[in-house]
Amino acid sequence: MTFDLIVKNGTVIDGTGNDRFKADLGIKHGLIAEIAPKLDAWQARRTIDASGRIVAPGVIDVHTHYDAQIHWDPYCTGSSWHGTTTVVVGNCGFGFAPCAADPEVRDRYMLMMQNTEQVPYAAMREALGWDWTTFPEYMEHLRNVPKGVNVATYLPMNPLMIYVMGIDAAKSRPATETERARMRQLLNEAMDAGAIGFAFSYLQEHNTHVDFDGSVMPSDGMAIEEAYNLAQVLRERGDGMIHALVEVPGAVNHREIAAKLARISGRPVLHNIITPFDSLDTHRDVLAFLDDCADEGLEVYSQSFSHRSWTEFNAIDNSGWDFNPQLREFTSCGDAQDKVRKAADPDFRRRMRENYDPAVMIPAGGPIDTWLLVDAHGSKRFGPYEGALLGEVARREGLHITDAFFEIVDDSNGLADFRTSEAMSHDLKMHEEILRNERVIPGTSDGGAHVKFYSGGQYSTDLLTWMARDEQRFTLEQIHWRLSSLPARVVGLSKRGELREGYAADLIVYDLDRLGFNRDRYDLVRDLPGGEYRRICRAQGIDHVIVGGESIVEAGNCTTALPGTILTNH
């Protein structure tokens, strides 16, 4: 046989931005061996008929937290269902290596990940294995983990600082020169082992991601010179990139740090985050900042959160409010029944009424009055309001908005489900402005994180249907370039992100007319280790997701193929 697989009769959008064309793809040894008008089916062990379908590069998702989930879900479902073939982990400075062999330190890392990214502790405890201390050992561990998708990883700064300085010092003082030299050495070791660079968040007390005890994470409270210290390593090496979460719209703006990192390192810096809000104009400021950086010759890009998304949650399992001291009192008060009692506590209710600030709720998906009651879970009093905004519930019940929310929590024994409706602006023009800039990478799926109230892997499907098919603000060619080729180039993934001869055979085959997902509600499934639940969003209209020439998703279902590999940028 000449080929392992032929994808026939499809309309090819190759990811370069060039016009689509009809062609067959011949795949051999995980690579695209030939692209031709017609290849004979008898030449391949398997043939996929893509008649009436789009054939495009697999999505490269540069902002995920699948660090844990890859251990029990080799396909990183939530993302791969929607055509993602490569995920980047270690984002925001959160991760599991390097880590001392002390079980208490490992436990602390898992508690951090549970509180910052809402990855269930019990699932991590059961699945991780912990057969590493150093980052090179961790990379070897990841290479041995069965994978359906490709994985690239940053060296996350929080575990690096804790490993070198200890948790108390990492949270309380700048590093010494000896400690900084050690961190430079460890970054070099990590890069030699395959890390694509380093990642951190620097939002100080404004980060919604706090430690399990409510304190800021080490990198959020560090002296920013710790990041500049590491940027020097990339300058000396001439490779790698930096992920810097340094901005939250309306709360904190440290974007100049991203520019300085680019000056020091001479390498690409991915600034986070750019997203549109009706009440703010910060996205235009970020776009102007990116233009200024380009004029200076700096490689600064921004990661967008610019797709139609929402959170869906019950009050018991939503720990994404810890940035707010009043709500943190609720989220950290104990088990489910403790929280229900807190919701009914008159003194707590009074303080919530007196201190409630709708503007502060933007990171939580918008003010409480914009949340929808989607399932009252048997509450006779509030059942008739299912589908209504909480602002309407409060008006009709004569309640303050915080009382309306907590009375629903109390009356449903904490089980009522809510859904945000205004996580960001719905102004199409704002989204288009962001996505039109060629230094903006779409995404911020947060795949693998916040699984009990969020699913974001559908961002690629949303952009293809919303921006290209339905609103026709972009062509499919333009969207696929942003989803695959652009991130591959910024991250430095060689011969990926485009359908060309000699490139990796990572691709998706989909029916544009049927492409979509349920935009009303997530599905709830109990498929985590230990039977814990997560909320998921399945894709519609994607026939095949192919990694390394092997189909890992067919008609929405994962196969048994495990062709994924660890990717590096050098």
Protein backbone atom coordinates (compact mmCIF):
# COMPACT_ATOMS: atom_id res chain seq x y z
CA MET A 1 0.00 0.00 0.00
CA THR A 2 1.22 3.52 -0.85
CA PHE A 3 -0.65 5.24 1.99
CA ASP A 4 -1.96 4.37 5.43
CA LEU A 5 -5.00 6.62 4.89
CA ILE A 6 -6.54 8.59 2.07
CA VAL A 7 -9.06 11.36 2.78
CA LYS A 8 -10.94 11.65 -0.52
CA ASN A 9 -13.22 14.13 -2.24
CA GLY A 10 -13.08 16.83 0.44
CA THR A 11 -12.92 20.59 0.20
CA VAL A 12 -9.51 21.38 1.62
CA ILE A 13 -8.92 24.52 3.70
CA ASP A 14 -5.21 24.17 4.33
CA GLY A 15 -4.83 26.69 7.17
CA THR A 16 -2.52 29.04 5.28
CA GLY A 17 -5.28 31.52 4.55
CA ASN A 18 -5.28 30.60 0.87
CA ASP A 19 -8.51 29.75 -0.95
CA ARG A 20 -10.09 26.34 -0.50
CA PHE A 21 -9.68 23.65 -3.15
CA LYS A 22 -10.88 20.13 -3.94
CA ALA A 23 -8.26 17.46 -3.33
CA ASP A 24 -7.42 14.09 -1.82
CA LEU A 25 -4.90 13.74 1.01
CA GLY A 26 -2.59 10.73 1.14
CA ILE A 27 -1.22 10.06 4.63
CA LYS A 28 1.69 7.80 5.55
CA HIS A 29 3.65 7.36 8.79
CA GLY A 30 1.67 10.15 10.45
CA LEU A 31 2.52 12.73 7.79
CA ILE A 32 0.72 14.17 4.80
CA ALA A 33 2.60 12.42 2.01
CA GLU A 34 0.66 13.73 -0.98
CA ILE A 35 -2.07 16.23 -1.83
CA ALA A 36 -3.49 15.61 -5.27
CA PRO A 37 -6.71 16.12 -7.26
CA LYS A 38 -7.31 12.37 -7.20
CA LEU A 39 -5.73 9.43 -5.38
CA ASP A 40 -6.91 5.89 -5.97
CA ALA A 41 -8.59 4.26 -2.98
CA TRP A 42 -6.80 0.97 -3.58
CA GLN A 43 -3.52 2.69 -2.66
CA ALA A 44 -4.46 2.97 1.03
CA ARG A 45 -5.22 0.66 3.92
CA ARG A 46 -8.16 2.90 4.80
CA THR A 47 -10.14 5.53 2.95
CA ILE A 48 -12.37 8.28 4.36
CA ASP A 49 -14.88 9.73 1.93
CA ALA A 50 -15.08 13.46 2.67
CA SER A 51 -17.58 14.30 -0.08
CA GLY A 52 -19.49 17.44 0.88
CA ARG A 53 -17.17 17.98 3.83
CA ILE A 54 -14.53 20.49 4.85
CA VAL A 55 -11.06 19.07 5.48
CA ALA A 56 -8.99 21.43 7.64
CA PRO A 57 -6.05 21.44 10.07
CA GLY A 58 -6.69 20.28 13.61
CA VAL A 59 -7.17 23.04 16.17
CA ILE A 60 -4.18 23.99 18.32
CA ASP A 61 -5.50 25.06 21.72
CA VAL A 62 -2.79 27.05 23.49
CA HIS A 63 -4.66 27.69 26.74
CA THR A 64 -5.73 24.53 28.54
CA HIS A 65 -5.36 22.94 31.95
CA TYR A 66 -5.40 19.29 30.88
CA ASP A 67 -2.32 18.67 33.06
CA ALA A 68 -4.38 16.30 35.21
CA GLN A 69 -7.16 15.16 32.85
CA ILE A 70 -4.71 13.72 30.31
CA HIS A 71 -3.99 11.03 32.93
CA TRP A 72 -7.54 9.63 32.79
CA ASP A 73 -8.80 10.98 29.48
CA PRO A 74 -6.20 10.51 26.71
CA TYR A 75 -8.41 12.41 24.25
CA CYS A 76 -8.89 15.52 26.40
CA THR A 77 -12.57 15.39 25.56
CA GLY A 78 -14.27 18.68 25.67
CA SER A 79 -11.62 19.87 23.20
CA SER A 80 -10.92 16.92 20.89
CA TRP A 81 -14.67 16.50 20.21
CA HIS A 82 -14.47 19.95 18.61
CA GLY A 83 -11.45 19.24 16.44
CA THR A 84 -8.56 20.03 18.77
CA THR A 85 -5.54 17.87 18.00
CA THR A 86 -2.89 19.66 20.11
CA VAL A 87 -3.24 21.10 23.62
CA VAL A 88 -0.81 23.27 25.59
CA VAL A 89 -0.69 22.78 29.36
CA GLY A 90 1.11 24.49 32.25
CA ASN A 91 -0.80 27.71 31.61
CA CYS A 92 -1.12 30.55 34.14
CA GLY A 93 1.86 29.14 36.04
CA PHE A 94 -0.10 26.19 37.45
CA GLY A 95 1.16 22.61 37.20
CA PHE A 96 2.76 19.65 38.91
CA ALA A 97 6.51 19.93 38.28
CA PRO A 98 9.07 20.36 39.57
CA CYS A 99 7.91 19.00 42.91
CA ALA A 100 9.67 17.63 45.98
CA ALA A 101 9.05 13.95 46.74
CA ASP A 102 7.38 14.89 50.03
CA PRO A 103 3.76 13.62 49.98
CA GLU A 104 2.61 16.76 51.80
CA VAL A 105 4.04 18.98 49.05
CA ARG A 106 2.41 16.88 46.35
CA ASP A 107 -0.84 17.11 48.26
CA ARG A 108 -0.42 20.89 48.41
CA TYR A 109 0.03 21.05 44.63
CA MET A 110 -3.19 19.13 44.11
CA LEU A 111 -5.09 21.34 46.53
CA MET A 112 -3.77 24.37 44.67
CA MET A 113 -4.95 22.94 41.36
CA GLN A 114 -8.34 22.10 42.83
CA ASN A 115 -8.88 25.61 44.11
CA THR A 116 -7.42 27.55 41.19
CA GLU A 117 -8.72 25.43 38.31
CA GLN A 118 -11.42 23.39 40.07
CA VAL A 119 -9.88 20.07 39.05
CA PRO A 120 -11.33 17.57 41.57
CA TYR A 121 -8.76 16.60 44.19
CA ALA A 122 -10.01 13.02 44.47
CA ALA A 123 -9.56 12.48 40.73
CA MET A 124 -5.99 13.78 40.86
CA ARG A 125 -5.18 11.74 43.94
CA GLU A 126 -6.31 8.58 42.16
CA ALA A 127 -4.80 9.19 38.72
CA LEU A 128 -1.54 11.13 38.81
CA GLY A 129 0.93 8.52 40.03
CA TRP A 130 3.62 11.04 41.08
CA ASP A 131 6.69 9.22 39.76
CA TRP A 132 8.67 12.44 39.24
CA THR A 133 10.34 15.25 41.13
CA THR A 134 12.26 17.19 38.46
CA PHE A 135 10.72 18.67 35.34
CA PRO A 136 12.71 16.38 33.01
CA GLU A 137 11.34 13.41 34.96
CA TYR A 138 7.85 14.86 34.58
CA MET A 139 8.34 15.16 30.81
CA GLU A 140 9.39 11.52 30.66
CA HIS A 141 6.28 10.68 32.66
CA LEU A 142 4.09 12.59 30.17
CA ARG A 143 5.74 10.81 27.25
CA ASN A 144 4.70 7.50 28.79
CA VAL A 145 1.09 8.58 29.43
CA PRO A 146 -1.17 7.20 26.65
CA LYS A 147 -2.37 10.13 24.55
CA GLY A 148 -4.92 10.58 21.81
CA VAL A 149 -3.99 14.25 21.32
CA ASN A 150 -0.61 15.95 21.13
CA VAL A 151 0.59 17.80 24.23
CA ALA A 152 3.02 20.69 24.68
CA THR A 153 3.81 22.18 28.06
CA TYR A 154 5.24 25.27 29.68
CA LEU A 155 7.35 25.19 32.79
CA PRO A 156 4.86 26.71 35.29
CA MET A 157 6.35 29.30 37.63
CA ASN A 158 4.39 28.45 40.79
CA PRO A 159 5.84 24.96 41.25
CA LEU A 160 9.24 26.24 40.13
CA MET A 161 9.28 28.91 42.84
CA ILE A 162 7.99 26.52 45.50
CA TYR A 163 10.58 23.88 44.52
CA VAL A 164 13.47 26.35 44.82
CA MET A 165 12.31 28.63 47.64
CA GLY A 166 9.77 26.64 49.65
CA ILE A 167 6.11 27.60 49.86
CA ASP A 168 6.41 30.12 52.68
CA ALA A 169 9.33 32.01 51.14
CA ALA A 170 7.78 31.90 47.68
CA LYS A 171 4.76 33.71 49.07
CA SER A 172 6.52 36.21 51.29
CA ARG A 173 9.77 37.55 49.81
CA PRO A 174 11.76 38.05 46.61
CA ALA A 175 14.15 35.31 45.58
CA THR A 176 17.82 35.64 46.45
CA GLU A 177 20.43 35.82 43.70
CA THR A 178 21.36 32.22 44.47
CA GLU A 179 17.72 31.16 44.11
CA ARG A 180 17.37 33.09 40.85
CA ALA A 181 20.45 31.37 39.46
CA ARG A 182 18.91 28.03 40.44
CA MET A 183 15.64 28.89 38.70
CA ARG A 184 17.53 29.85 35.53
CA GLN A 185 19.31 26.51 35.66
CA LEU A 186 16.03 24.61 36.10
CA LEU A 187 14.41 26.48 33.21
CA ASN A 188 17.33 25.49 31.00
CA GLU A 189 16.89 21.87 32.09
CA ALA A 190 13.15 22.05 31.42
CA MET A 191 13.70 23.53 27.95
CA ASP A 192 16.27 20.84 27.15
CA ALA A 193 13.67 18.27 28.21
CA GLY A 194 11.03 19.73 25.89
CA ALA A 195 9.26 22.62 27.64
CA ILE A 196 8.09 25.31 25.20
CA GLY A 197 8.89 28.13 27.61
CA PHE A 198 7.52 29.30 30.95
CA ALA A 199 4.15 30.58 32.14
CA PHE A 200 2.90 32.65 35.04
CA SER A 201 0.10 34.87 36.30
CA TYR A 202 0.80 38.23 37.88
CA LEU A 203 -2.48 39.75 39.02
CA GLN A 204 -1.73 40.18 42.70
CA GLU A 205 -4.94 40.21 44.75
CA HIS A 206 -7.07 40.60 41.62
CA ASN A 207 -6.64 37.02 40.43
CA THR A 208 -9.82 34.95 40.70
CA HIS A 209 -7.48 31.95 41.08
CA VAL A 210 -6.34 31.88 44.71
CA ASP A 211 -4.73 29.21 46.83
CA PHE A 212 -6.88 26.81 48.85
CA ASP A 213 -6.33 28.92 51.98
CA GLY A 214 -7.49 32.09 50.21
CA SER A 215 -4.01 33.58 49.85
CA VAL A 216 -2.56 34.67 46.51
CA MET A 217 -0.52 32.21 44.49
CA PRO A 218 3.28 32.66 44.58
CA SER A 219 3.63 34.17 41.12
CA ASP A 220 0.76 36.61 41.72
CA GLY A 221 2.54 38.01 44.77
CA MET A 222 6.13 37.69 43.56
CA ALA A 223 8.59 40.40 42.67
CA ILE A 224 8.15 40.70 38.89
CA GLU A 225 11.95 40.46 38.60
CA GLU A 226 11.51 36.68 39.01
CA ALA A 227 9.88 36.55 35.57
CA TYR A 228 12.44 38.93 34.06
CA ASN A 229 15.16 36.67 35.46
CA LEU A 230 13.76 33.69 33.54
CA ALA A 231 13.28 35.73 30.36
CA GLN A 232 17.05 36.11 30.21
CA VAL A 233 17.34 32.35 29.76
CA LEU A 234 15.24 32.46 26.60
CA ARG A 235 17.38 35.32 25.28
CA GLU A 236 20.52 33.24 25.81
CA ARG A 237 18.98 30.13 24.26
CA GLY A 238 17.25 31.83 21.36
CA ASP A 239 14.17 29.62 21.74
CA GLY A 240 10.99 29.29 23.77
CA MET A 241 8.11 31.62 24.56
CA ILE A 242 6.38 33.15 27.57
CA HIS A 243 2.76 33.05 28.68
CA ALA A 244 1.89 36.01 30.91
CA LEU A 245 -1.53 36.38 32.53
CA VAL A 246 -1.16 40.04 33.49
CA GLU A 247 -4.53 41.64 32.77
CA VAL A 248 -8.12 41.32 33.91
CA PRO A 249 -10.45 43.82 32.20
CA GLY A 250 -11.64 46.46 34.61
CA ALA A 251 -9.52 45.13 37.48
CA VAL A 252 -5.79 45.11 36.75
CA ASN A 253 -3.58 46.10 33.82
CA HIS A 254 0.05 45.01 33.82
CA ARG A 255 0.34 44.63 30.06
CA GLU A 256 3.59 46.60 29.99
CA ILE A 257 5.13 43.57 31.72
CA ALA A 258 4.43 41.55 28.57
CA ALA A 259 6.26 44.14 26.48
CA LYS A 260 9.25 44.19 28.83
CA LEU A 261 9.45 40.39 28.78
CA ALA A 262 9.56 40.53 24.98
CA ARG A 263 12.35 43.12 25.11
CA ILE A 264 14.41 41.05 27.56
CA SER A 265 13.85 37.65 25.94
CA GLY A 266 13.61 38.54 22.27
CA ARG A 267 11.01 35.78 22.11
CA PRO A 268 7.22 35.62 21.59
CA VAL A 269 5.15 36.64 24.61
CA LEU A 270 1.49 35.66 24.88
CA HIS A 271 -0.37 38.33 26.85
CA ASN A 272 -3.57 37.29 28.59
CA ILE A 273 -6.31 38.33 28.31
CA ILE A 274 -8.36 40.27 25.81
CA THR A 275 -12.14 40.09 25.93
CA PRO A 276 -15.02 42.49 25.21
CA PHE A 277 -17.31 44.00 27.82
CA ASP A 278 -20.10 46.49 27.13
CA SER A 279 -19.20 48.60 30.15
CA LEU A 280 -15.48 48.68 29.38
CA ASP A 281 -13.33 49.68 26.43
CA THR A 282 -10.22 47.79 27.43
CA HIS A 283 -10.13 45.51 24.39
CA ARG A 284 -9.35 48.49 22.16
CA ASP A 285 -6.57 49.51 24.54
CA VAL A 286 -5.08 46.02 24.25
CA LEU A 287 -5.30 46.09 20.45
CA ALA A 288 -3.51 49.46 20.42
CA PHE A 289 -0.90 47.99 22.77
CA LEU A 290 -0.31 45.08 20.38
CA ASP A 291 0.12 47.51 17.49
CA ASP A 292 2.61 49.55 19.50
CA CYS A 293 4.59 46.41 20.33
CA ALA A 294 4.65 45.41 16.66
CA ASP A 295 5.89 48.88 15.72
CA GLU A 296 8.71 48.39 18.22
CA GLY A 297 9.56 45.02 16.67
CA LEU A 298 8.34 43.00 19.66
CA GLU A 299 6.60 39.67 19.26
CA VAL A 300 3.71 40.23 21.65
CA TYR A 301 0.41 38.43 21.03
CA SER A 302 -2.77 38.32 23.06
CA GLN A 303 -5.01 35.40 23.89
CA SER A 304 -8.68 36.18 23.36
CA PHE A 305 -11.74 35.08 25.26
CA SER A 306 -14.05 36.03 22.43
CA HIS A 307 -16.66 33.40 21.77
CA ARG A 308 -20.15 32.67 23.05
CA SER A 309 -19.69 30.95 26.38
CA TRP A 310 -21.30 30.66 29.75
CA THR A 311 -20.91 29.08 33.17
CA GLU A 312 -23.56 26.74 34.55
CA PHE A 313 -23.41 25.83 38.20
CA ASN A 314 -24.92 25.07 41.53
CA ALA A 315 -23.77 27.14 44.48
CA ILE A 316 -22.28 24.18 46.33
CA ASP A 317 -19.65 23.24 43.75
CA ASN A 318 -18.80 26.67 42.35
CA SER A 319 -15.50 27.75 43.88
CA GLY A 320 -14.82 30.28 41.15
CA TRP A 321 -15.97 33.12 43.38
CA ASP A 322 -13.00 33.11 45.74
CA PHE A 323 -11.78 36.45 44.42
CA ASN A 324 -14.69 38.08 46.28
CA PRO A 325 -14.23 38.14 50.10
CA GLN A 326 -17.97 37.98 50.82
CA LEU A 327 -18.54 35.08 48.45
CA ARG A 328 -15.36 33.38 49.64
CA GLU A 329 -16.94 33.28 53.09
CA PHE A 330 -19.65 31.17 51.48
CA THR A 331 -17.47 28.95 49.24
CA SER A 332 -14.98 28.14 52.02
CA CYS A 333 -17.35 27.63 54.94
CA GLY A 334 -17.41 23.82 54.83
CA ASP A 335 -19.37 21.01 53.18
CA ALA A 336 -22.64 21.21 51.27
CA GLN A 337 -24.85 21.45 54.33
CA ASP A 338 -22.60 24.09 55.87
CA LYS A 339 -23.08 26.16 52.74
CA VAL A 340 -26.83 25.72 52.80
CA ARG A 341 -26.84 26.90 56.42
CA LYS A 342 -24.66 29.84 55.45
CA ALA A 343 -27.10 30.74 52.66
CA ALA A 344 -29.87 30.94 55.26
CA ASP A 345 -27.85 32.83 57.87
CA PRO A 346 -29.45 36.28 58.48
CA ASP A 347 -26.16 37.98 59.39
CA PHE A 348 -24.42 36.68 56.28
CA ARG A 349 -27.39 37.77 54.17
CA ARG A 350 -27.28 41.26 55.68
CA ARG A 351 -23.59 41.66 54.94
CA MET A 352 -24.10 40.43 51.38
CA ARG A 353 -26.81 43.04 50.83
CA GLU A 354 -24.68 45.82 52.27
CA ASN A 355 -21.47 44.92 50.42
CA TYR A 356 -22.78 43.65 47.08
CA ASP A 357 -21.21 45.44 44.11
CA PRO A 358 -22.46 44.32 40.68
CA ALA A 359 -19.29 45.59 38.98
CA VAL A 360 -17.12 43.27 41.05
CA MET A 361 -19.06 40.28 39.68
CA ILE A 362 -17.71 40.63 36.12
CA PRO A 363 -15.12 37.84 36.65
CA ALA A 364 -17.95 35.61 37.91
CA GLY A 365 -19.84 35.91 34.64
CA GLY A 366 -21.70 39.13 35.31
CA PRO A 367 -23.94 40.61 38.02
CA ILE A 368 -26.25 38.20 39.84
CA ASP A 369 -29.37 39.79 38.31
CA THR A 370 -28.17 38.59 34.86
CA TRP A 371 -27.97 34.94 35.92
CA LEU A 372 -30.66 32.52 34.79
CA LEU A 373 -32.38 29.98 37.02
CA VAL A 374 -32.25 26.88 34.83
CA ASP A 375 -33.29 24.17 37.30
CA ALA A 376 -34.88 24.82 40.70
CA HIS A 377 -34.33 21.16 41.68
CA GLY A 378 -37.72 20.60 43.24
CA SER A 379 -38.20 23.96 44.91
CA LYS A 380 -41.95 24.58 44.80
CA ARG A 381 -41.51 28.26 45.49
CA PHE A 382 -38.96 28.92 42.75
CA GLY A 383 -39.81 26.18 40.25
CA PRO A 384 -42.16 28.49 38.28
CA TYR A 385 -39.22 30.84 37.66
CA GLU A 386 -37.12 28.33 35.74
CA GLY A 387 -35.75 30.06 32.66
CA ALA A 388 -36.08 33.53 34.24
CA LEU A 389 -33.31 35.98 35.08
CA LEU A 390 -32.64 36.33 38.79
CA GLY A 391 -33.28 40.05 38.48
CA GLU A 392 -36.84 39.22 37.47
CA VAL A 393 -37.16 36.68 40.29
CA ALA A 394 -36.00 39.30 42.80
CA ARG A 395 -38.41 41.91 41.42
CA ARG A 396 -41.42 39.61 41.53
CA GLU A 397 -40.56 38.26 44.99
CA GLY A 398 -39.75 41.71 46.39
CA LEU A 399 -36.23 40.64 47.37
CA HIS A 400 -32.77 42.16 47.18
CA ILE A 401 -30.86 40.37 44.43
CA THR A 402 -28.47 38.62 46.82
CA ASP A 403 -31.39 37.47 48.98
CA ALA A 404 -33.13 36.08 45.90
CA PHE A 405 -30.06 34.03 45.01
CA PHE A 406 -29.41 32.67 48.49
CA GLU A 407 -33.08 31.91 49.13
CA ILE A 408 -33.08 29.74 46.00
CA VAL A 409 -29.92 28.04 47.26
CA ASP A 410 -31.53 27.44 50.65
CA ASP A 411 -34.88 26.26 49.28
CA SER A 412 -33.25 23.78 46.85
CA ASN A 413 -30.80 22.44 49.45
CA GLY A 414 -27.99 23.90 47.37
CA LEU A 415 -28.82 21.92 44.23
CA ALA A 416 -30.46 24.60 42.04
CA ASP A 417 -28.62 25.18 38.77
CA PHE A 418 -27.88 28.65 37.42
CA ARG A 419 -26.46 29.86 34.11
CA THR A 420 -24.72 33.11 33.28
CA SER A 421 -26.13 35.12 30.41
CA GLU A 422 -23.68 38.01 30.17
CA ALA A 423 -20.20 36.61 30.62
CA MET A 424 -19.06 39.26 28.15
CA SER A 425 -20.43 41.64 25.54
CA HIS A 426 -22.77 40.27 22.88
CA ASP A 427 -21.74 43.10 20.54
CA LEU A 428 -20.65 41.33 17.36
CA LYS A 429 -18.57 44.31 16.28
CA MET A 430 -16.45 44.12 19.43
CA HIS A 431 -15.73 40.44 18.88
CA GLU A 432 -14.87 41.08 15.26
CA GLU A 433 -12.48 43.89 16.21
CA ILE A 434 -10.60 41.54 18.50
CA LEU A 435 -10.46 38.59 16.12
CA ARG A 436 -9.52 40.74 13.15
CA ASN A 437 -6.15 41.57 14.70
CA GLU A 438 -3.53 39.10 13.47
CA ARG A 439 -1.69 39.23 16.79
CA VAL A 440 -4.70 37.78 18.64
CA ILE A 441 -4.93 34.02 19.12
CA PRO A 442 -8.50 32.78 19.69
CA GLY A 443 -9.18 30.41 22.50
CA THR A 444 -8.78 30.44 26.27
CA SER A 445 -10.80 27.25 26.40
CA ASP A 446 -9.43 26.49 29.91
CA GLY A 447 -9.95 22.87 28.86
CA GLY A 448 -9.71 20.50 31.82
CA ALA A 449 -10.41 23.27 34.35
CA HIS A 450 -13.58 24.46 36.10
CA VAL A 451 -15.24 21.22 34.98
CA LYS A 452 -18.17 21.44 37.40
CA PHE A 453 -19.38 24.74 35.99
CA TYR A 454 -17.68 25.43 32.66
CA SER A 455 -16.79 23.88 29.33
CA GLY A 456 -14.85 25.88 26.74
CA GLY A 457 -13.45 23.43 24.20
CA GLN A 458 -16.22 24.40 21.78
CA TYR A 459 -14.68 27.83 21.06
CA SER A 460 -13.40 26.65 17.69
CA THR A 461 -16.79 25.31 16.63
CA ASP A 462 -18.40 28.54 17.77
CA LEU A 463 -16.04 30.73 15.74
CA LEU A 464 -16.53 28.63 12.61
CA THR A 465 -20.32 28.69 12.87
CA TRP A 466 -20.90 32.13 14.38
CA MET A 467 -18.25 34.29 12.78
CA ALA A 468 -17.84 32.49 9.45
CA ARG A 469 -20.96 30.53 8.52
CA ASP A 470 -23.77 32.51 10.14
CA GLU A 471 -22.55 36.11 10.39
CA GLN A 472 -20.02 35.89 7.54
CA ARG A 473 -17.68 38.34 9.24
CA PHE A 474 -14.75 36.06 8.35
CA THR A 475 -14.15 33.38 5.77
CA LEU A 476 -13.52 29.82 6.88
CA GLU A 477 -10.00 30.27 5.53
CA GLN A 478 -9.41 33.19 7.89
CA ILE A 479 -10.80 31.37 10.93
CA HIS A 480 -8.82 28.18 10.31
CA TRP A 481 -5.62 30.21 9.96
CA ARG A 482 -6.33 31.70 13.40
CA LEU A 483 -7.22 28.34 14.94
CA SER A 484 -4.23 26.38 13.68
CA SER A 485 -1.48 28.05 11.69
CA LEU A 486 -1.15 31.18 13.84
CA PRO A 487 -0.84 29.34 17.18
CA ALA A 488 1.57 26.80 15.64
CA ARG A 489 3.82 29.63 14.49
CA VAL A 490 3.70 31.55 17.78
CA VAL A 491 4.33 28.46 19.92
CA GLY A 492 7.00 27.27 17.49
CA LEU A 493 5.49 23.90 16.52
CA SER A 494 7.30 22.84 13.38
CA LYS A 495 5.32 21.53 10.41
CA ARG A 496 1.97 21.69 12.16
CA GLY A 497 -1.16 23.79 11.84
CA GLU A 498 -1.37 23.58 8.04
CA LEU A 499 -2.24 20.88 5.52
CA ARG A 500 0.91 20.63 3.44
CA GLU A 501 2.98 17.75 2.17
CA GLY A 502 5.48 16.76 4.83
CA TYR A 503 3.40 18.26 7.65
CA ALA A 504 1.85 16.29 10.50
CA ALA A 505 -1.43 14.65 9.54
CA ASP A 506 -3.49 16.39 12.24
CA LEU A 507 -6.83 17.34 10.70
CA ILE A 508 -10.60 17.50 11.03
CA VAL A 509 -13.36 16.52 8.62
CA TYR A 510 -16.69 18.24 9.17
CA ASP A 511 -20.06 19.07 7.64
CA LEU A 512 -20.37 22.86 7.76
CA ASP A 513 -24.16 22.78 7.55
CA ARG A 514 -24.48 20.49 10.58
CA LEU A 515 -21.61 21.94 12.58
CA GLY A 516 -22.63 23.19 16.02
CA PHE A 517 -23.32 22.39 19.67
CA ASN A 518 -26.07 22.81 22.25
CA ARG A 519 -25.96 26.47 23.27
CA ASP A 520 -28.73 26.15 25.86
CA ARG A 521 -27.17 23.85 28.43
CA TYR A 522 -24.20 21.66 29.16
CA ASP A 523 -24.59 17.93 29.63
CA LEU A 524 -23.68 16.56 33.05
CA VAL A 525 -21.75 13.27 33.08
CA ARG A 526 -20.07 11.29 35.84
CA ASP A 527 -16.94 10.04 34.11
CA LEU A 528 -14.14 11.36 36.34
CA PRO A 529 -12.09 9.01 38.52
CA GLY A 530 -14.15 8.15 41.59
CA GLY A 531 -17.39 8.91 39.75
CA GLU A 532 -17.27 12.70 40.14
CA TYR A 533 -19.19 14.76 37.62
CA ARG A 534 -18.28 17.36 35.03
CA ARG A 535 -20.23 19.47 32.57
CA ILE A 536 -19.52 18.86 28.89
CA CYS A 537 -20.42 20.30 25.50
CA ARG A 538 -20.38 17.83 22.62
CA ALA A 539 -19.86 18.73 18.98
CA GLN A 540 -22.29 18.20 16.15
CA GLY A 541 -21.29 17.73 12.52
CA ILE A 542 -17.66 16.69 12.99
CA ASP A 543 -17.13 13.34 11.28
CA HIS A 544 -13.45 12.75 12.03
CA VAL A 545 -10.70 14.18 14.19
CA ILE A 546 -7.37 12.77 13.02
CA VAL A 547 -4.05 12.93 14.89
CA GLY A 548 -0.87 11.63 13.29
CA GLY A 549 -2.92 10.01 10.55
CA GLU A 550 -5.16 8.08 12.95
CA SER A 551 -8.79 8.89 13.65
CA ILE A 552 -9.29 9.60 17.38
CA VAL A 553 -12.90 10.83 17.15
CA GLU A 554 -15.47 9.49 14.71
CA ALA A 555 -19.02 10.85 14.59
CA GLY A 556 -18.59 12.31 18.07
CA ASN A 557 -17.19 9.19 19.73
CA CYS A 558 -13.61 8.51 20.73
CA THR A 559 -11.88 5.56 19.11
CA THR A 560 -9.17 3.46 20.75
CA ALA A 561 -6.30 5.01 18.77
CA LEU A 562 -3.58 6.69 20.84
CA PRO A 563 -1.31 8.47 18.36
CA GLY A 564 -0.67 11.59 20.44
CA THR A 565 2.86 12.70 21.26
CA ILE A 566 4.75 15.33 23.23
CA LEU A 567 5.56 18.38 21.10
CA THR A 568 8.42 20.81 21.60
CA ASN A 569 9.41 24.04 19.87
CA HIS A 570 13.06 23.21 19.31
